[in-house]
Amino acid sequence: MPIHKSTEYGDIEISLDAIANLVGGTINECYGIVGMASQKVVKDGWAELLKRENYSRGVIVRQDGNSLILDIYVIALQGIKLSEVMVAAQQRVRYVLEKTLEVKVEAVNLNVQGVRTVK
């Protein structure tokens, strides 16, 4: 179910896939995040890194009235303080969505699917 906006120039519909792609691009810019992960962990406990065209597989966008609830699946960088990185990532995603789309974000739930080193 898309988000509807009305402006003086007409109506705008923003699909949930477009929001998921915006969230994926934003989360990949955050310090301490290696990349997006799929919602489903592969057989042996390995999480696959998603490419730009698959960001929507790592983000679940739900609507609750006039606000959004986001479930984001990420792979974190090894050797960082995970709690601080996740709080900063949540704040950044909330800020970007509220400023870009003018939509209230009720919750940003980050799920760490794995930890990796960057080569």
PDB file of N, CA and C in Angstrom:
ATOM      1  N   MET A   1       0.844  -1.170   0.000  1.00  0.00           N
ATOM      2  CA  MET A   1       0.000   0.000   0.000  1.00  0.00           C
ATOM      3  C   MET A   1       0.893   1.238   0.000  1.00  0.00           C
ATOM      4  N   PRO A   2       0.846   2.023  -1.047  1.00  0.00           N
ATOM      5  CA  PRO A   2       1.736   3.186  -1.142  1.00  0.00           C
ATOM      6  C   PRO A   2       1.308   4.332  -0.226  1.00  0.00           C
ATOM      7  N   ILE A   3       2.239   5.245  -0.036  1.00  0.00           N
ATOM      8  CA  ILE A   3       1.961   6.449   0.746  1.00  0.00           C
ATOM      9  C   ILE A   3       1.456   7.521  -0.214  1.00  0.00           C
ATOM     10  N   HIS A   4       0.379   8.179   0.164  1.00  0.00           N
ATOM     11  CA  HIS A   4      -0.212   9.214  -0.687  1.00  0.00           C
ATOM     12  C   HIS A   4       0.120  10.592  -0.119  1.00  0.00           C
ATOM     13  N   LYS A   5       0.537  11.494  -0.987  1.00  0.00           N
ATOM     14  CA  LYS A   5       0.814  12.891  -0.627  1.00  0.00           C
ATOM     15  C   LYS A   5       0.075  13.781  -1.611  1.00  0.00           C
ATOM     16  N   SER A   6      -0.446  14.875  -1.126  1.00  0.00           N
ATOM     17  CA  SER A   6      -1.084  15.865  -1.989  1.00  0.00           C
ATOM     18  C   SER A   6      -0.324  17.173  -1.890  1.00  0.00           C
ATOM     19  N   THR A   7       0.029  17.722  -3.037  1.00  0.00           N
ATOM     20  CA  THR A   7       0.709  19.012  -3.097  1.00  0.00           C
ATOM     21  C   THR A   7      -0.120  19.947  -3.964  1.00  0.00           C
ATOM     22  N   GLU A   8       0.323  21.170  -4.078  1.00  0.00           N
ATOM     23  CA  GLU A   8      -0.390  22.132  -4.921  1.00  0.00           C
ATOM     24  C   GLU A   8      -0.283  21.775  -6.403  1.00  0.00           C
ATOM     25  N   TYR A   9       0.698  20.925  -6.746  1.00  0.00           N
ATOM     26  CA  TYR A   9       0.902  20.532  -8.143  1.00  0.00           C
ATOM     27  C   TYR A   9       0.216  19.222  -8.507  1.00  0.00           C
ATOM     28  N   GLY A  10      -0.287  18.499  -7.523  1.00  0.00           N
ATOM     29  CA  GLY A  10      -0.951  17.227  -7.794  1.00  0.00           C
ATOM     30  C   GLY A  10      -0.701  16.221  -6.689  1.00  0.00           C
ATOM     31  N   ASP A  11      -1.070  14.983  -6.963  1.00  0.00           N
ATOM     32  CA  ASP A  11      -0.923  13.909  -5.987  1.00  0.00           C
ATOM     33  C   ASP A  11       0.334  13.095  -6.269  1.00  0.00           C
ATOM     34  N   ILE A  12       0.925  12.570  -5.192  1.00  0.00           N
ATOM     35  CA  ILE A  12       2.129  11.763  -5.295  1.00  0.00           C
ATOM     36  C   ILE A  12       1.876  10.459  -4.552  1.00  0.00           C
ATOM     37  N   GLU A  13       2.274   9.344  -5.155  1.00  0.00           N
ATOM     38  CA  GLU A  13       2.228   8.056  -4.497  1.00  0.00           C
ATOM     39  C   GLU A  13       3.647   7.514  -4.396  1.00  0.00           C
ATOM     40  N   ILE A  14       4.063   7.166  -3.194  1.00  0.00           N
ATOM     41  CA  ILE A  14       5.406   6.647  -2.960  1.00  0.00           C
ATOM     42  C   ILE A  14       5.257   5.177  -2.583  1.00  0.00           C
ATOM     43  N   SER A  15       5.834   4.290  -3.395  1.00  0.00           N
ATOM     44  CA  SER A  15       5.705   2.861  -3.123  1.00  0.00           C
ATOM     45  C   SER A  15       6.609   2.452  -1.969  1.00  0.00           C
ATOM     46  N   LEU A  16       6.255   1.354  -1.328  1.00  0.00           N
ATOM     47  CA  LEU A  16       7.049   0.844  -0.217  1.00  0.00           C
ATOM     48  C   LEU A  16       8.404   0.329  -0.704  1.00  0.00           C
ATOM     49  N   ASP A  17       8.495  -0.127  -1.957  1.00  0.00           N
ATOM     50  CA  ASP A  17       9.786  -0.534  -2.525  1.00  0.00           C
ATOM     51  C   ASP A  17      10.719   0.656  -2.690  1.00  0.00           C
ATOM     52  N   ALA A  18      10.180   1.802  -3.077  1.00  0.00           N
ATOM     53  CA  ALA A  18      10.999   3.010  -3.193  1.00  0.00           C
ATOM     54  C   ALA A  18      11.525   3.436  -1.820  1.00  0.00           C
ATOM     55  N   ILE A  19      10.698   3.306  -0.800  1.00  0.00           N
ATOM     56  CA  ILE A  19      11.132   3.630   0.558  1.00  0.00           C
ATOM     57  C   ILE A  19      12.220   2.653   1.005  1.00  0.00           C
ATOM     58  N   ALA A  20      12.058   1.370   0.683  1.00  0.00           N
ATOM     59  CA  ALA A  20      13.054   0.359   1.042  1.00  0.00           C
ATOM     60  C   ALA A  20      14.391   0.649   0.366  1.00  0.00           C
ATOM     61  N   ASN A  21      14.369   1.084  -0.881  1.00  0.00           N
ATOM     62  CA  ASN A  21      15.614   1.426  -1.580  1.00  0.00           C
ATOM     63  C   ASN A  21      16.267   2.657  -0.969  1.00  0.00           C
ATOM     64  N   LEU A  22      15.486   3.637  -0.566  1.00  0.00           N
ATOM     65  CA  LEU A  22      16.023   4.822   0.105  1.00  0.00           C
ATOM     66  C   LEU A  22      16.660   4.441   1.435  1.00  0.00           C
ATOM     67  N   VAL A  23      15.993   3.577   2.182  1.00  0.00           N
ATOM     68  CA  VAL A  23      16.529   3.110   3.465  1.00  0.00           C
ATOM     69  C   VAL A  23      17.825   2.339   3.245  1.00  0.00           C
ATOM     70  N   GLY A  24      17.856   1.474   2.237  1.00  0.00           N
ATOM     71  CA  GLY A  24      19.061   0.694   1.951  1.00  0.00           C
ATOM     72  C   GLY A  24      20.241   1.563   1.574  1.00  0.00           C
ATOM     73  N   GLY A  25      20.013   2.575   0.765  1.00  0.00           N
ATOM     74  CA  GLY A  25      21.090   3.493   0.413  1.00  0.00           C
ATOM     75  C   GLY A  25      21.583   4.282   1.607  1.00  0.00           C
ATOM     76  N   THR A  26      20.671   4.677   2.469  1.00  0.00           N
ATOM     77  CA  THR A  26      21.034   5.445   3.667  1.00  0.00           C
ATOM     78  C   THR A  26      21.825   4.594   4.650  1.00  0.00           C
ATOM     79  N   ILE A  27      21.387   3.372   4.878  1.00  0.00           N
ATOM     80  CA  ILE A  27      22.039   2.515   5.872  1.00  0.00           C
ATOM     81  C   ILE A  27      23.435   2.115   5.411  1.00  0.00           C
ATOM     82  N   ASN A  28      23.653   1.991   4.111  1.00  0.00           N
ATOM     83  CA  ASN A  28      24.978   1.626   3.606  1.00  0.00           C
ATOM     84  C   ASN A  28      25.982   2.758   3.751  1.00  0.00           C
ATOM     85  N   GLU A  29      25.521   3.983   3.936  1.00  0.00           N
ATOM     86  CA  GLU A  29      26.415   5.117   4.142  1.00  0.00           C
ATOM     87  C   GLU A  29      26.842   5.269   5.600  1.00  0.00           C
ATOM     88  N   CYS A  30      26.230   4.511   6.499  1.00  0.00           N
ATOM     89  CA  CYS A  30      26.520   4.632   7.932  1.00  0.00           C
ATOM     90  C   CYS A  30      27.836   3.957   8.286  1.00  0.00           C
ATOM     91  N   TYR A  31      28.577   4.587   9.187  1.00  0.00           N
ATOM     92  CA  TYR A  31      29.836   4.024   9.670  1.00  0.00           C
ATOM     93  C   TYR A  31      29.552   2.746  10.453  1.00  0.00           C
ATOM     94  N   GLY A  32      30.348   1.718  10.204  1.00  0.00           N
ATOM     95  CA  GLY A  32      30.230   0.472  10.938  1.00  0.00           C
ATOM     96  C   GLY A  32      29.312  -0.545  10.301  1.00  0.00           C
ATOM     97  N   ILE A  33      28.656  -0.182   9.204  1.00  0.00           N
ATOM     98  CA  ILE A  33      27.782  -1.108   8.488  1.00  0.00           C
ATOM     99  C   ILE A  33      28.512  -1.573   7.241  1.00  0.00           C
ATOM    100  N   VAL A  34      28.734  -2.890   7.126  1.00  0.00           N
ATOM    101  CA  VAL A  34      29.403  -3.449   5.949  1.00  0.00           C
ATOM    102  C   VAL A  34      28.446  -3.455   4.769  1.00  0.00           C
ATOM    103  N   GLY A  35      27.190  -3.797   5.011  1.00  0.00           N
ATOM    104  CA  GLY A  35      26.207  -3.824   3.943  1.00  0.00           C
ATOM    105  C   GLY A  35      24.877  -4.348   4.422  1.00  0.00           C
ATOM    106  N   MET A  36      23.965  -4.450   3.488  1.00  0.00           N
ATOM    107  CA  MET A  36      22.636  -4.985   3.767  1.00  0.00           C
ATOM    108  C   MET A  36      22.688  -6.502   3.674  1.00  0.00           C
ATOM    109  N   ALA A  37      21.843  -7.154   4.441  1.00  0.00           N
ATOM    110  CA  ALA A  37      21.740  -8.612   4.415  1.00  0.00           C
ATOM    111  C   ALA A  37      20.322  -9.007   4.070  1.00  0.00           C
ATOM    112  N   SER A  38      20.186 -10.212   3.575  1.00  0.00           N
ATOM    113  CA  SER A  38      18.869 -10.746   3.295  1.00  0.00           C
ATOM    114  C   SER A  38      18.150 -11.048   4.608  1.00  0.00           C
ATOM    115  N   GLN A  39      16.836 -11.063   4.557  1.00  0.00           N
ATOM    116  CA  GLN A  39      16.051 -11.363   5.749  1.00  0.00           C
ATOM    117  C   GLN A  39      16.275 -12.797   6.205  1.00  0.00           C
ATOM    118  N   LYS A  40      16.567 -13.673   5.263  1.00  0.00           N
ATOM    119  CA  LYS A  40      16.768 -15.081   5.580  1.00  0.00           C
ATOM    120  C   LYS A  40      18.254 -15.395   5.567  1.00  0.00           C
ATOM    121  N   VAL A  41      18.727 -15.979   6.640  1.00  0.00           N
ATOM    122  CA  VAL A  41      20.133 -16.371   6.710  1.00  0.00           C
ATOM    123  C   VAL A  41      20.303 -17.643   5.891  1.00  0.00           C
ATOM    124  N   VAL A  42      21.371 -17.685   5.090  1.00  0.00           N
ATOM    125  CA  VAL A  42      21.644 -18.843   4.253  1.00  0.00           C
ATOM    126  C   VAL A  42      21.948 -20.053   5.145  1.00  0.00           C
ATOM    127  N   LYS A  43      21.842 -21.234   4.603  1.00  0.00           N
ATOM    128  CA  LYS A  43      21.887 -22.496   5.319  1.00  0.00           C
ATOM    129  C   LYS A  43      22.885 -22.592   6.475  1.00  0.00           C
ATOM    130  N   ASP A  44      24.127 -22.320   6.231  1.00  0.00           N
ATOM    131  CA  ASP A  44      25.159 -22.566   7.232  1.00  0.00           C
ATOM    132  C   ASP A  44      25.374 -21.387   8.166  1.00  0.00           C
ATOM    133  N   GLY A  45      24.418 -20.494   8.263  1.00  0.00           N
ATOM    134  CA  GLY A  45      24.545 -19.363   9.168  1.00  0.00           C
ATOM    135  C   GLY A  45      25.212 -18.160   8.537  1.00  0.00           C
ATOM    136  N   TRP A  46      25.521 -18.227   7.264  1.00  0.00           N
ATOM    137  CA  TRP A  46      26.134 -17.093   6.572  1.00  0.00           C
ATOM    138  C   TRP A  46      25.054 -16.187   6.012  1.00  0.00           C
ATOM    139  N   ALA A  47      25.255 -14.910   6.162  1.00  0.00           N
ATOM    140  CA  ALA A  47      24.319 -13.942   5.588  1.00  0.00           C
ATOM    141  C   ALA A  47      24.942 -13.379   4.322  1.00  0.00           C
ATOM    142  N   GLU A  48      24.170 -13.293   3.254  1.00  0.00           N
ATOM    143  CA  GLU A  48      24.701 -12.779   2.001  1.00  0.00           C
ATOM    144  C   GLU A  48      24.583 -11.263   1.960  1.00  0.00           C
ATOM    145  N   LEU A  49      25.610 -10.613   1.400  1.00  0.00           N
ATOM    146  CA  LEU A  49      25.559  -9.165   1.196  1.00  0.00           C
ATOM    147  C   LEU A  49      24.694  -8.872  -0.022  1.00  0.00           C
ATOM    148  N   LEU A  50      23.823  -7.893   0.101  1.00  0.00           N
ATOM    149  CA  LEU A  50      22.939  -7.528  -0.998  1.00  0.00           C
ATOM    150  C   LEU A  50      23.541  -6.396  -1.817  1.00  0.00           C
ATOM    151  N   LYS A  51      23.328  -6.439  -3.089  1.00  0.00           N
ATOM    152  CA  LYS A  51      23.747  -5.367  -3.994  1.00  0.00           C
ATOM    153  C   LYS A  51      22.666  -4.288  -4.026  1.00  0.00           C
ATOM    154  N   ARG A  52      22.980  -3.172  -4.660  1.00  0.00           N
ATOM    155  CA  ARG A  52      22.075  -2.028  -4.716  1.00  0.00           C
ATOM    156  C   ARG A  52      20.690  -2.383  -5.255  1.00  0.00           C
ATOM    157  N   GLU A  53      20.616  -3.243  -6.244  1.00  0.00           N
ATOM    158  CA  GLU A  53      19.317  -3.561  -6.844  1.00  0.00           C
ATOM    159  C   GLU A  53      18.457  -4.474  -5.967  1.00  0.00           C
ATOM    160  N   ASN A  54      19.033  -5.041  -4.898  1.00  0.00           N
ATOM    161  CA  ASN A  54      18.295  -5.958  -4.030  1.00  0.00           C
ATOM    162  C   ASN A  54      18.044  -5.405  -2.634  1.00  0.00           C
ATOM    163  N   TYR A  55      18.170  -4.115  -2.417  1.00  0.00           N
ATOM    164  CA  TYR A  55      17.998  -3.551  -1.081  1.00  0.00           C
ATOM    165  C   TYR A  55      16.642  -3.872  -0.479  1.00  0.00           C
ATOM    166  N   SER A  56      15.627  -3.983  -1.302  1.00  0.00           N
ATOM    167  CA  SER A  56      14.288  -4.228  -0.767  1.00  0.00           C
ATOM    168  C   SER A  56      14.173  -5.604  -0.121  1.00  0.00           C
ATOM    169  N   ARG A  57      15.096  -6.531  -0.416  1.00  0.00           N
ATOM    170  CA  ARG A  57      15.086  -7.845   0.233  1.00  0.00           C
ATOM    171  C   ARG A  57      15.592  -7.764   1.669  1.00  0.00           C
ATOM    172  N   GLY A  58      16.276  -6.690   2.020  1.00  0.00           N
ATOM    173  CA  GLY A  58      16.815  -6.540   3.362  1.00  0.00           C
ATOM    174  C   GLY A  58      16.067  -5.540   4.221  1.00  0.00           C
ATOM    175  N   VAL A  59      14.969  -5.001   3.708  1.00  0.00           N
ATOM    176  CA  VAL A  59      14.188  -4.010   4.448  1.00  0.00           C
ATOM    177  C   VAL A  59      12.711  -4.388   4.364  1.00  0.00           C
ATOM    178  N   ILE A  60      12.055  -4.396   5.509  1.00  0.00           N
ATOM    179  CA  ILE A  60      10.603  -4.582   5.541  1.00  0.00           C
ATOM    180  C   ILE A  60      10.001  -3.256   5.984  1.00  0.00           C
ATOM    181  N   VAL A  61       9.130  -2.706   5.159  1.00  0.00           N
ATOM    182  CA  VAL A  61       8.465  -1.436   5.463  1.00  0.00           C
ATOM    183  C   VAL A  61       6.997  -1.736   5.735  1.00  0.00           C
ATOM    184  N   ARG A  62       6.535  -1.342   6.924  1.00  0.00           N
ATOM    185  CA  ARG A  62       5.135  -1.523   7.290  1.00  0.00           C
ATOM    186  C   ARG A  62       4.535  -0.176   7.647  1.00  0.00           C
ATOM    187  N   GLN A  63       3.259  -0.021   7.345  1.00  0.00           N
ATOM    188  CA  GLN A  63       2.548   1.204   7.693  1.00  0.00           C
ATOM    189  C   GLN A  63       1.687   0.955   8.918  1.00  0.00           C
ATOM    190  N   ASP A  64       1.716   1.917   9.842  1.00  0.00           N
ATOM    191  CA  ASP A  64       0.850   1.870  11.020  1.00  0.00           C
ATOM    192  C   ASP A  64       0.145   3.221  11.085  1.00  0.00           C
ATOM    193  N   GLY A  65      -0.992   3.298  10.440  1.00  0.00           N
ATOM    194  CA  GLY A  65      -1.694   4.577  10.357  1.00  0.00           C
ATOM    195  C   GLY A  65      -0.943   5.520   9.433  1.00  0.00           C
ATOM    196  N   ASN A  66      -0.475   6.646   9.984  1.00  0.00           N
ATOM    197  CA  ASN A  66       0.266   7.625   9.192  1.00  0.00           C
ATOM    198  C   ASN A  66       1.775   7.516   9.393  1.00  0.00           C
ATOM    199  N   SER A  67       2.231   6.486  10.077  1.00  0.00           N
ATOM    200  CA  SER A  67       3.662   6.352  10.342  1.00  0.00           C
ATOM    201  C   SER A  67       4.193   5.039   9.774  1.00  0.00           C
ATOM    202  N   LEU A  68       5.515   4.942   9.726  1.00  0.00           N
ATOM    203  CA  LEU A  68       6.183   3.770   9.177  1.00  0.00           C
ATOM    204  C   LEU A  68       6.920   3.011  10.276  1.00  0.00           C
ATOM    205  N   ILE A  69       6.969   1.713  10.132  1.00  0.00           N
ATOM    206  CA  ILE A  69       7.793   0.855  10.978  1.00  0.00           C
ATOM    207  C   ILE A  69       8.740   0.118  10.042  1.00  0.00           C
ATOM    208  N   LEU A  70      10.045   0.216  10.313  1.00  0.00           N
ATOM    209  CA  LEU A  70      11.062  -0.365   9.448  1.00  0.00           C
ATOM    210  C   LEU A  70      11.791  -1.496  10.164  1.00  0.00           C
ATOM    211  N   ASP A  71      11.967  -2.614   9.487  1.00  0.00           N
ATOM    212  CA  ASP A  71      12.820  -3.706   9.942  1.00  0.00           C
ATOM    213  C   ASP A  71      13.949  -3.818   8.937  1.00  0.00           C
ATOM    214  N   ILE A  72      15.182  -3.573   9.397  1.00  0.00           N
ATOM    215  CA  ILE A  72      16.343  -3.521   8.511  1.00  0.00           C
ATOM    216  C   ILE A  72      17.323  -4.611   8.924  1.00  0.00           C
ATOM    217  N   TYR A  73      17.810  -5.367   7.952  1.00  0.00           N
ATOM    218  CA  TYR A  73      18.745  -6.456   8.193  1.00  0.00           C
ATOM    219  C   TYR A  73      20.116  -6.052   7.656  1.00  0.00           C
ATOM    220  N   VAL A  74      21.124  -6.032   8.540  1.00  0.00           N
ATOM    221  CA  VAL A  74      22.449  -5.533   8.160  1.00  0.00           C
ATOM    222  C   VAL A  74      23.540  -6.513   8.578  1.00  0.00           C
ATOM    223  N   ILE A  75      24.721  -6.286   8.012  1.00  0.00           N
ATOM    224  CA  ILE A  75      25.953  -6.954   8.429  1.00  0.00           C
ATOM    225  C   ILE A  75      26.868  -5.864   8.956  1.00  0.00           C
ATOM    226  N   ALA A  76      27.356  -6.051  10.179  1.00  0.00           N
ATOM    227  CA  ALA A  76      28.148  -5.017  10.849  1.00  0.00           C
ATOM    228  C   ALA A  76      29.645  -5.287  10.683  1.00  0.00           C
ATOM    229  N   LEU A  77      30.420  -4.250  10.934  1.00  0.00           N
ATOM    230  CA  LEU A  77      31.872  -4.314  10.875  1.00  0.00           C
ATOM    231  C   LEU A  77      32.405  -4.911  12.172  1.00  0.00           C
ATOM    232  N   GLN A  78      33.379  -5.790  12.056  1.00  0.00           N
ATOM    233  CA  GLN A  78      33.960  -6.414  13.237  1.00  0.00           C
ATOM    234  C   GLN A  78      34.865  -5.427  13.968  1.00  0.00           C
ATOM    235  N   GLY A  79      34.832  -5.462  15.297  1.00  0.00           N
ATOM    236  CA  GLY A  79      35.731  -4.651  16.105  1.00  0.00           C
ATOM    237  C   GLY A  79      35.210  -3.271  16.449  1.00  0.00           C
ATOM    238  N   ILE A  80      33.917  -3.053  16.323  1.00  0.00           N
ATOM    239  CA  ILE A  80      33.323  -1.756  16.657  1.00  0.00           C
ATOM    240  C   ILE A  80      32.408  -1.930  17.853  1.00  0.00           C
ATOM    241  N   LYS A  81      32.040  -0.829  18.468  1.00  0.00           N
ATOM    242  CA  LYS A  81      31.044  -0.889  19.539  1.00  0.00           C
ATOM    243  C   LYS A  81      29.675  -0.888  18.872  1.00  0.00           C
ATOM    244  N   LEU A  82      29.105  -2.055  18.824  1.00  0.00           N
ATOM    245  CA  LEU A  82      27.899  -2.301  18.045  1.00  0.00           C
ATOM    246  C   LEU A  82      26.722  -1.445  18.487  1.00  0.00           C
ATOM    247  N   SER A  83      26.546  -1.250  19.779  1.00  0.00           N
ATOM    248  CA  SER A  83      25.393  -0.498  20.260  1.00  0.00           C
ATOM    249  C   SER A  83      25.417   0.953  19.785  1.00  0.00           C
ATOM    250  N   GLU A  84      26.593   1.578  19.798  1.00  0.00           N
ATOM    251  CA  GLU A  84      26.681   2.974  19.354  1.00  0.00           C
ATOM    252  C   GLU A  84      26.456   3.110  17.852  1.00  0.00           C
ATOM    253  N   VAL A  85      26.981   2.178  17.089  1.00  0.00           N
ATOM    254  CA  VAL A  85      26.800   2.220  15.635  1.00  0.00           C
ATOM    255  C   VAL A  85      25.332   2.028  15.272  1.00  0.00           C
ATOM    256  N   MET A  86      24.657   1.122  15.955  1.00  0.00           N
ATOM    257  CA  MET A  86      23.251   0.856  15.643  1.00  0.00           C
ATOM    258  C   MET A  86      22.362   2.047  16.011  1.00  0.00           C
ATOM    259  N   VAL A  87      22.634   2.697  17.137  1.00  0.00           N
ATOM    260  CA  VAL A  87      21.851   3.878  17.524  1.00  0.00           C
ATOM    261  C   VAL A  87      22.051   4.998  16.503  1.00  0.00           C
ATOM    262  N   ALA A  88      23.309   5.205  16.075  1.00  0.00           N
ATOM    263  CA  ALA A  88      23.587   6.243  15.074  1.00  0.00           C
ATOM    264  C   ALA A  88      22.906   5.923  13.745  1.00  0.00           C
ATOM    265  N   ALA A  89      22.899   4.661  13.355  1.00  0.00           N
ATOM    266  CA  ALA A  89      22.249   4.255  12.103  1.00  0.00           C
ATOM    267  C   ALA A  89      20.733   4.454  12.190  1.00  0.00           C
ATOM    268  N   GLN A  90      20.144   4.115  13.323  1.00  0.00           N
ATOM    269  CA  GLN A  90      18.706   4.329  13.505  1.00  0.00           C
ATOM    270  C   GLN A  90      18.349   5.802  13.390  1.00  0.00           C
ATOM    271  N   GLN A  91      19.132   6.653  14.031  1.00  0.00           N
ATOM    272  CA  GLN A  91      18.870   8.093  13.986  1.00  0.00           C
ATOM    273  C   GLN A  91      19.015   8.628  12.572  1.00  0.00           C
ATOM    274  N   ARG A  92      20.023   8.164  11.845  1.00  0.00           N
ATOM    275  CA  ARG A  92      20.233   8.654  10.468  1.00  0.00           C
ATOM    276  C   ARG A  92      19.083   8.243   9.550  1.00  0.00           C
ATOM    277  N   VAL A  93      18.653   6.991   9.648  1.00  0.00           N
ATOM    278  CA  VAL A  93      17.552   6.522   8.800  1.00  0.00           C
ATOM    279  C   VAL A  93      16.283   7.301   9.109  1.00  0.00           C
ATOM    280  N   ARG A  94      15.987   7.489  10.385  1.00  0.00           N
ATOM    281  CA  ARG A  94      14.795   8.244  10.778  1.00  0.00           C
ATOM    282  C   ARG A  94      14.857   9.674  10.243  1.00  0.00           C
ATOM    283  N   TYR A  95      16.014  10.320  10.386  1.00  0.00           N
ATOM    284  CA  TYR A  95      16.177  11.702   9.930  1.00  0.00           C
ATOM    285  C   TYR A  95      15.985  11.812   8.421  1.00  0.00           C
ATOM    286  N   VAL A  96      16.637  10.925   7.661  1.00  0.00           N
ATOM    287  CA  VAL A  96      16.557  11.006   6.194  1.00  0.00           C
ATOM    288  C   VAL A  96      15.126  10.795   5.718  1.00  0.00           C
ATOM    289  N   LEU A  97      14.438   9.810   6.275  1.00  0.00           N
ATOM    290  CA  LEU A  97      13.058   9.556   5.835  1.00  0.00           C
ATOM    291  C   LEU A  97      12.119  10.698   6.207  1.00  0.00           C
ATOM    292  N   GLU A  98      12.271  11.219   7.418  1.00  0.00           N
ATOM    293  CA  GLU A  98      11.368  12.294   7.832  1.00  0.00           C
ATOM    294  C   GLU A  98      11.621  13.580   7.060  1.00  0.00           C
ATOM    295  N   LYS A  99      12.859  13.859   6.711  1.00  0.00           N
ATOM    296  CA  LYS A  99      13.156  15.081   5.950  1.00  0.00           C
ATOM    297  C   LYS A  99      12.877  14.920   4.464  1.00  0.00           C
ATOM    298  N   THR A 100      13.157  13.752   3.907  1.00  0.00           N
ATOM    299  CA  THR A 100      12.974  13.544   2.478  1.00  0.00           C
ATOM    300  C   THR A 100      11.515  13.336   2.099  1.00  0.00           C
ATOM    301  N   LEU A 101      10.832  12.458   2.830  1.00  0.00           N
ATOM    302  CA  LEU A 101       9.468  12.085   2.468  1.00  0.00           C
ATOM    303  C   LEU A 101       8.397  12.765   3.303  1.00  0.00           C
ATOM    304  N   GLU A 102       8.821  13.455   4.377  1.00  0.00           N
ATOM    305  CA  GLU A 102       7.886  14.105   5.294  1.00  0.00           C
ATOM    306  C   GLU A 102       6.860  13.104   5.838  1.00  0.00           C
ATOM    307  N   VAL A 103       7.374  11.964   6.285  1.00  0.00           N
ATOM    308  CA  VAL A 103       6.563  10.895   6.850  1.00  0.00           C
ATOM    309  C   VAL A 103       7.101  10.590   8.240  1.00  0.00           C
ATOM    310  N   LYS A 104       6.221  10.372   9.207  1.00  0.00           N
ATOM    311  CA  LYS A 104       6.648  10.043  10.559  1.00  0.00           C
ATOM    312  C   LYS A 104       7.131   8.595  10.602  1.00  0.00           C
ATOM    313  N   VAL A 105       8.292   8.380  11.227  1.00  0.00           N
ATOM    314  CA  VAL A 105       8.840   7.039  11.394  1.00  0.00           C
ATOM    315  C   VAL A 105       8.664   6.652  12.860  1.00  0.00           C
ATOM    316  N   GLU A 106       7.854   5.646  13.092  1.00  0.00           N
ATOM    317  CA  GLU A 106       7.564   5.225  14.461  1.00  0.00           C
ATOM    318  C   GLU A 106       8.697   4.391  15.044  1.00  0.00           C
ATOM    319  N   ALA A 107       9.245   3.456  14.246  1.00  0.00           N
ATOM    320  CA  ALA A 107      10.292   2.575  14.764  1.00  0.00           C
ATOM    321  C   ALA A 107      11.254   2.185  13.650  1.00  0.00           C
ATOM    322  N   VAL A 108      12.540   2.102  14.003  1.00  0.00           N
ATOM    323  CA  VAL A 108      13.576   1.593  13.112  1.00  0.00           C
ATOM    324  C   VAL A 108      14.227   0.426  13.853  1.00  0.00           C
ATOM    325  N   ASN A 109      13.895  -0.783  13.443  1.00  0.00           N
ATOM    326  CA  ASN A 109      14.411  -1.991  14.085  1.00  0.00           C
ATOM    327  C   ASN A 109      15.562  -2.543  13.255  1.00  0.00           C
ATOM    328  N   LEU A 110      16.772  -2.553  13.825  1.00  0.00           N
ATOM    329  CA  LEU A 110      17.945  -3.079  13.128  1.00  0.00           C
ATOM    330  C   LEU A 110      18.219  -4.493  13.607  1.00  0.00           C
ATOM    331  N   ASN A 111      18.388  -5.386  12.660  1.00  0.00           N
ATOM    332  CA  ASN A 111      18.705  -6.785  12.954  1.00  0.00           C
ATOM    333  C   ASN A 111      20.066  -7.098  12.361  1.00  0.00           C
ATOM    334  N   VAL A 112      21.029  -7.414  13.202  1.00  0.00           N
ATOM    335  CA  VAL A 112      22.379  -7.726  12.734  1.00  0.00           C
ATOM    336  C   VAL A 112      22.417  -9.206  12.372  1.00  0.00           C
ATOM    337  N   GLN A 113      22.609  -9.490  11.085  1.00  0.00           N
ATOM    338  CA  GLN A 113      22.641 -10.860  10.580  1.00  0.00           C
ATOM    339  C   GLN A 113      24.029 -11.467  10.631  1.00  0.00           C
ATOM    340  N   GLY A 114      25.054 -10.627  10.802  1.00  0.00           N
ATOM    341  CA  GLY A 114      26.412 -11.143  10.834  1.00  0.00           C
ATOM    342  C   GLY A 114      27.405 -10.029  11.088  1.00  0.00           C
ATOM    343  N   VAL A 115      28.650 -10.445  11.334  1.00  0.00           N
ATOM    344  CA  VAL A 115      29.739  -9.506  11.576  1.00  0.00           C
ATOM    345  C   VAL A 115      30.872  -9.916  10.649  1.00  0.00           C
ATOM    346  N   ARG A 116      31.451  -8.961   9.937  1.00  0.00           N
ATOM    347  CA  ARG A 116      32.532  -9.252   8.993  1.00  0.00           C
ATOM    348  C   ARG A 116      33.628  -8.207   9.080  1.00  0.00           C
ATOM    349  N   THR A 117      34.797  -8.592   8.588  1.00  0.00           N
ATOM    350  CA  THR A 117      35.884  -7.646   8.431  1.00  0.00           C
ATOM    351  C   THR A 117      35.859  -7.145   6.998  1.00  0.00           C
ATOM    352  N   VAL A 118      36.374  -5.960   6.794  1.00  0.00           N
ATOM    353  CA  VAL A 118      36.441  -5.398   5.448  1.00  0.00           C
ATOM    354  C   VAL A 118      37.840  -5.626   4.915  1.00  0.00           C
ATOM    355  N   LYS A 119      37.940  -6.192   3.710  1.00  0.00           N
ATOM    356  CA  LYS A 119      39.242  -6.477   3.112  1.00  0.00           C
ATOM    357  C   LYS A 119      39.753  -5.304   2.338  1.00  0.00           C
TER     358      LYS A 119
END
